[in-house]
């Protein structure tokens, strides 16, 4: 069982926290992480690309000229894909790109992502982040004190002051434990856990 120092927002050690091996000490397999990240990115695709085919074009359906005798190609109506302003043949239509990965695989990938941060010494535990008001300058000062510039900060509950103060700080994201996911953990260089969130994460992955 790994033991990490818990620091306050001034960067001073205040206690220690134990991390369960079942969540933070799992063998990391890149193939599993890749599969889950690929699934998450596929689900984020809008799938809204669309064109108008000949049935969607507004225009007359009368035959432009007679079938035979003109020497020209046969034309059914003005909506033909071969004519300017006509419909598009075989163009993209709205679709859902999302697919599912088994729940056990998703849970395992989350454990692997957490373990990778611990192995890379990119995991920091804070006792709390306390802000007197919604102020980006105060939040940025705390990050500077902790020497954090690109991090995912995980909280145990909604903290409006913290979430609103961090909105305009580049390279930082505040996420509650219920929204913790593999893509965001791997995207940011550092993972910062507020101490109360550890038990919630371990309970979710138990």
Protein backbone atom coordinates (compact mmCIF):
# COMPACT_ATOMS: atom_id res chain seq x y z
CA UNK A 1 0.00 0.00 0.00
CA UNK A 2 1.54 3.29 -1.13
CA UNK A 3 1.83 6.15 1.34
CA UNK A 4 2.01 9.73 0.08
CA UNK A 5 2.48 13.01 1.88
CA UNK A 6 -0.54 15.27 2.13
CA UNK A 7 0.33 18.95 1.70
CA UNK A 8 -1.63 22.13 2.23
CA UNK A 9 -2.04 24.95 -0.29
CA UNK A 10 1.19 26.56 0.99
CA UNK A 11 3.11 23.41 0.00
CA UNK A 12 3.79 22.22 3.57
CA UNK A 13 3.33 18.63 4.68
CA UNK A 14 0.41 18.21 7.07
CA UNK A 15 -0.15 14.43 7.15
CA UNK A 16 0.10 11.22 5.14
CA UNK A 17 -2.46 9.27 3.12
CA UNK A 18 -2.59 5.59 2.24
CA UNK A 19 -3.53 4.62 -1.31
CA UNK A 20 -5.11 1.23 -1.93
CA UNK A 21 -3.06 -1.08 -4.17
CA UNK A 22 -6.21 -2.22 -5.93
CA UNK A 23 -6.70 1.29 -7.37
CA UNK A 24 -3.27 2.93 -7.45
CA UNK A 25 -0.87 0.02 -7.94
CA UNK A 26 -2.13 -1.81 -11.01
CA UNK A 27 -0.01 -3.00 -13.93
CA UNK A 28 -0.37 -0.44 -16.70
CA UNK A 29 -1.21 -1.76 -20.18
CA UNK A 30 -1.21 0.82 -22.94
CA UNK A 31 -3.57 -1.25 -25.12
CA UNK A 32 -6.35 -1.05 -22.50
CA UNK A 33 -5.84 2.70 -22.01
CA UNK A 34 -5.85 3.23 -25.77
CA UNK A 35 -9.13 1.36 -26.23
CA UNK A 36 -10.95 3.37 -23.56
CA UNK A 37 -9.57 6.73 -24.69
CA UNK A 38 -10.54 5.91 -28.28
CA UNK A 39 -14.07 5.11 -27.07
CA UNK A 40 -14.32 8.41 -25.16
CA UNK A 41 -13.16 10.44 -28.15
CA UNK A 42 -15.56 8.59 -30.46
CA UNK A 43 -18.48 9.43 -28.18
CA UNK A 44 -17.48 13.12 -28.27
CA UNK A 45 -17.74 13.29 -32.07
CA UNK A 46 -20.69 15.41 -33.11
CA UNK A 47 -21.53 13.27 -36.12
CA UNK A 48 -23.42 16.22 -37.56
CA UNK A 49 -21.83 16.37 -41.04
CA UNK A 50 -24.62 16.32 -43.61
CA UNK A 51 -25.34 17.14 -47.22
CA UNK A 52 -28.55 17.53 -49.22
CA UNK A 53 -29.29 14.67 -51.56
CA UNK A 54 -31.58 15.07 -54.56
CA UNK A 55 -34.71 14.48 -52.48
CA UNK A 56 -33.78 17.40 -50.20
CA UNK A 57 -33.24 19.93 -53.00
CA UNK A 58 -36.02 22.42 -53.71
CA UNK A 59 -36.85 22.58 -57.39
CA UNK A 60 -39.09 21.38 -60.18
CA UNK A 61 -39.33 17.66 -60.90
CA UNK A 62 -40.27 18.13 -64.55
CA UNK A 63 -38.14 16.54 -67.22
CA UNK A 64 -35.79 19.18 -68.68
CA UNK A 65 -36.00 18.02 -72.31
CA UNK A 66 -37.18 15.01 -74.19
CA UNK A 67 -35.49 11.67 -73.70
CA UNK A 68 -34.31 11.09 -77.25
CA UNK A 69 -33.29 13.04 -80.29
CA UNK A 70 -31.31 15.95 -78.76
CA UNK A 71 -27.89 14.26 -78.66
CA UNK A 72 -27.53 15.23 -75.01
CA UNK A 73 -27.31 13.09 -71.88
CA UNK A 74 -30.63 11.95 -70.42
CA UNK A 75 -31.89 14.28 -67.68
CA UNK A 76 -34.64 13.36 -65.23
CA UNK A 77 -34.96 16.71 -63.47
CA UNK A 78 -33.00 19.75 -62.28
CA UNK A 79 -32.05 18.09 -58.96
CA UNK A 80 -29.61 15.66 -60.59
CA UNK A 81 -26.21 15.41 -58.80
CA UNK A 82 -24.55 16.05 -62.17
CA UNK A 83 -26.03 19.53 -62.46
CA UNK A 84 -25.02 22.69 -60.64
CA UNK A 85 -27.27 23.22 -57.63
CA UNK A 86 -28.36 19.59 -57.64
CA UNK A 87 -28.17 17.12 -54.78
CA UNK A 88 -24.99 15.41 -53.62
CA UNK A 89 -24.58 11.71 -54.38
CA UNK A 90 -23.37 9.49 -51.50
CA UNK A 91 -22.49 12.41 -49.23
CA UNK A 92 -22.21 12.19 -45.41
CA UNK A 93 -25.35 12.02 -43.26
CA UNK A 94 -25.71 12.49 -39.48
CA UNK A 95 -24.60 9.43 -37.52
CA UNK A 96 -23.61 8.36 -34.03
CA UNK A 97 -19.92 7.42 -33.84
CA UNK A 98 -20.12 6.20 -30.22
CA UNK A 99 -19.65 2.62 -29.13
CA UNK A 100 -19.33 0.83 -25.79
CA UNK A 101 -16.47 -0.90 -24.03
CA UNK A 102 -17.27 -3.41 -21.24
CA UNK A 103 -17.70 -1.88 -17.79
CA UNK A 104 -14.90 -4.02 -16.33
CA UNK A 105 -12.49 -2.76 -18.99
CA UNK A 106 -13.45 0.87 -18.30
CA UNK A 107 -12.96 0.38 -14.57
CA UNK A 108 -9.59 -1.34 -15.13
CA UNK A 109 -8.42 1.46 -17.44
CA UNK A 110 -9.29 4.05 -14.77
CA UNK A 111 -7.19 2.13 -12.24
CA UNK A 112 -4.33 1.96 -14.74
CA UNK A 113 -4.50 5.70 -15.42
CA UNK A 114 -4.33 6.47 -11.68
CA UNK A 115 -1.48 3.98 -11.25
CA UNK A 116 0.48 5.55 -14.11
CA UNK A 117 0.37 8.96 -12.40
CA UNK A 118 1.62 7.44 -9.15
CA UNK A 119 4.41 5.57 -10.96
CA UNK A 120 5.45 8.73 -12.81
CA UNK A 121 5.50 10.68 -9.53
CA UNK A 122 2.90 13.02 -11.00
CA UNK A 123 0.33 12.51 -8.23
CA UNK A 124 -0.13 15.19 -5.55
CA UNK A 125 -2.50 15.08 -2.58
CA UNK A 126 -3.82 18.32 -1.07
CA UNK A 127 -5.75 18.53 2.17
CA UNK A 128 -7.99 21.27 0.71
CA UNK A 129 -8.09 24.37 -1.47
CA UNK A 130 -9.75 27.20 0.41
CA UNK A 131 -10.71 30.43 -1.35
CA UNK A 132 -12.37 33.35 0.39
CA UNK A 133 -14.04 34.55 -2.80
CA UNK A 134 -14.33 33.78 -6.50
CA UNK A 135 -11.03 35.23 -7.65
CA UNK A 136 -8.80 33.83 -10.40
CA UNK A 137 -5.76 35.71 -9.10
CA UNK A 138 -5.95 33.95 -5.72
CA UNK A 139 -6.30 30.54 -7.35
CA UNK A 140 -3.38 31.21 -9.70
CA UNK A 141 -1.26 32.23 -6.69
CA UNK A 142 -1.95 28.87 -5.02
CA UNK A 143 -0.89 27.02 -8.18
CA UNK A 144 2.29 29.08 -8.38
CA UNK A 145 3.08 28.28 -4.73
CA UNK A 146 2.64 24.55 -5.45
CA UNK A 147 4.53 24.81 -8.78
CA UNK A 148 1.57 23.40 -10.70
CA UNK A 149 0.99 24.57 -14.27
CA UNK A 150 -0.81 21.71 -16.03
CA UNK A 151 -3.04 19.64 -13.80
CA UNK A 152 -6.33 17.88 -13.28
CA UNK A 153 -7.67 18.71 -9.81
CA UNK A 154 -10.20 16.22 -8.41
CA UNK A 155 -12.64 17.32 -5.72
CA UNK A 156 -15.05 15.28 -3.63
CA UNK A 157 -18.00 17.67 -3.92
CA UNK A 158 -19.15 20.80 -5.68
CA UNK A 159 -17.04 23.85 -4.80
CA UNK A 160 -18.40 26.83 -6.69
CA UNK A 161 -15.63 29.21 -5.61
CA UNK A 162 -12.95 26.82 -6.81
CA UNK A 163 -14.68 25.88 -10.05
CA UNK A 164 -15.42 29.47 -11.07
CA UNK A 165 -12.00 30.78 -10.01
CA UNK A 166 -10.25 28.20 -12.21
CA UNK A 167 -12.24 28.75 -15.41
CA UNK A 168 -9.81 31.23 -16.98
CA UNK A 169 -6.60 29.50 -15.89
CA UNK A 170 -5.09 27.69 -18.90
CA UNK A 171 -3.93 24.10 -18.46
CA UNK A 172 -6.03 23.43 -15.35
CA UNK A 173 -9.30 21.55 -14.98
CA UNK A 174 -11.48 20.99 -11.91
CA UNK A 175 -13.35 17.69 -11.90
CA UNK A 176 -15.55 16.00 -9.30
CA UNK A 177 -14.97 12.33 -8.49
CA UNK A 178 -18.12 11.18 -10.28
CA UNK A 179 -16.78 12.64 -13.53
CA UNK A 180 -13.28 11.16 -13.26
CA UNK A 181 -12.25 9.56 -16.54
CA UNK A 182 -9.24 8.07 -18.28
CA UNK A 183 -8.86 10.72 -21.00
CA UNK A 184 -8.65 13.67 -18.62
CA UNK A 185 -6.22 11.89 -16.28
CA UNK A 186 -3.83 11.15 -19.14
CA UNK A 187 -4.29 14.53 -20.83
CA UNK A 188 -2.84 16.59 -17.97
CA UNK A 189 0.74 16.30 -16.73
CA UNK A 190 -0.18 16.24 -13.04
CA UNK A 191 -3.04 14.73 -11.07
CA UNK A 192 -4.01 16.60 -7.89
CA UNK A 193 -6.37 14.84 -5.50
CA UNK A 194 -8.04 16.62 -2.61
CA UNK A 195 -7.76 14.25 0.34
CA UNK A 196 -11.54 13.62 0.79
CA UNK A 197 -11.79 12.46 -2.83
CA UNK A 198 -9.46 9.47 -2.30
CA UNK A 199 -12.03 7.42 -0.36
CA UNK A 200 -14.69 8.21 -2.95
CA UNK A 201 -12.43 7.07 -5.81
CA UNK A 202 -11.49 3.85 -3.99
CA UNK A 203 -15.16 3.20 -3.19
CA UNK A 204 -16.12 3.70 -6.83
CA UNK A 205 -13.43 1.33 -8.10
CA UNK A 206 -13.66 -1.30 -5.36
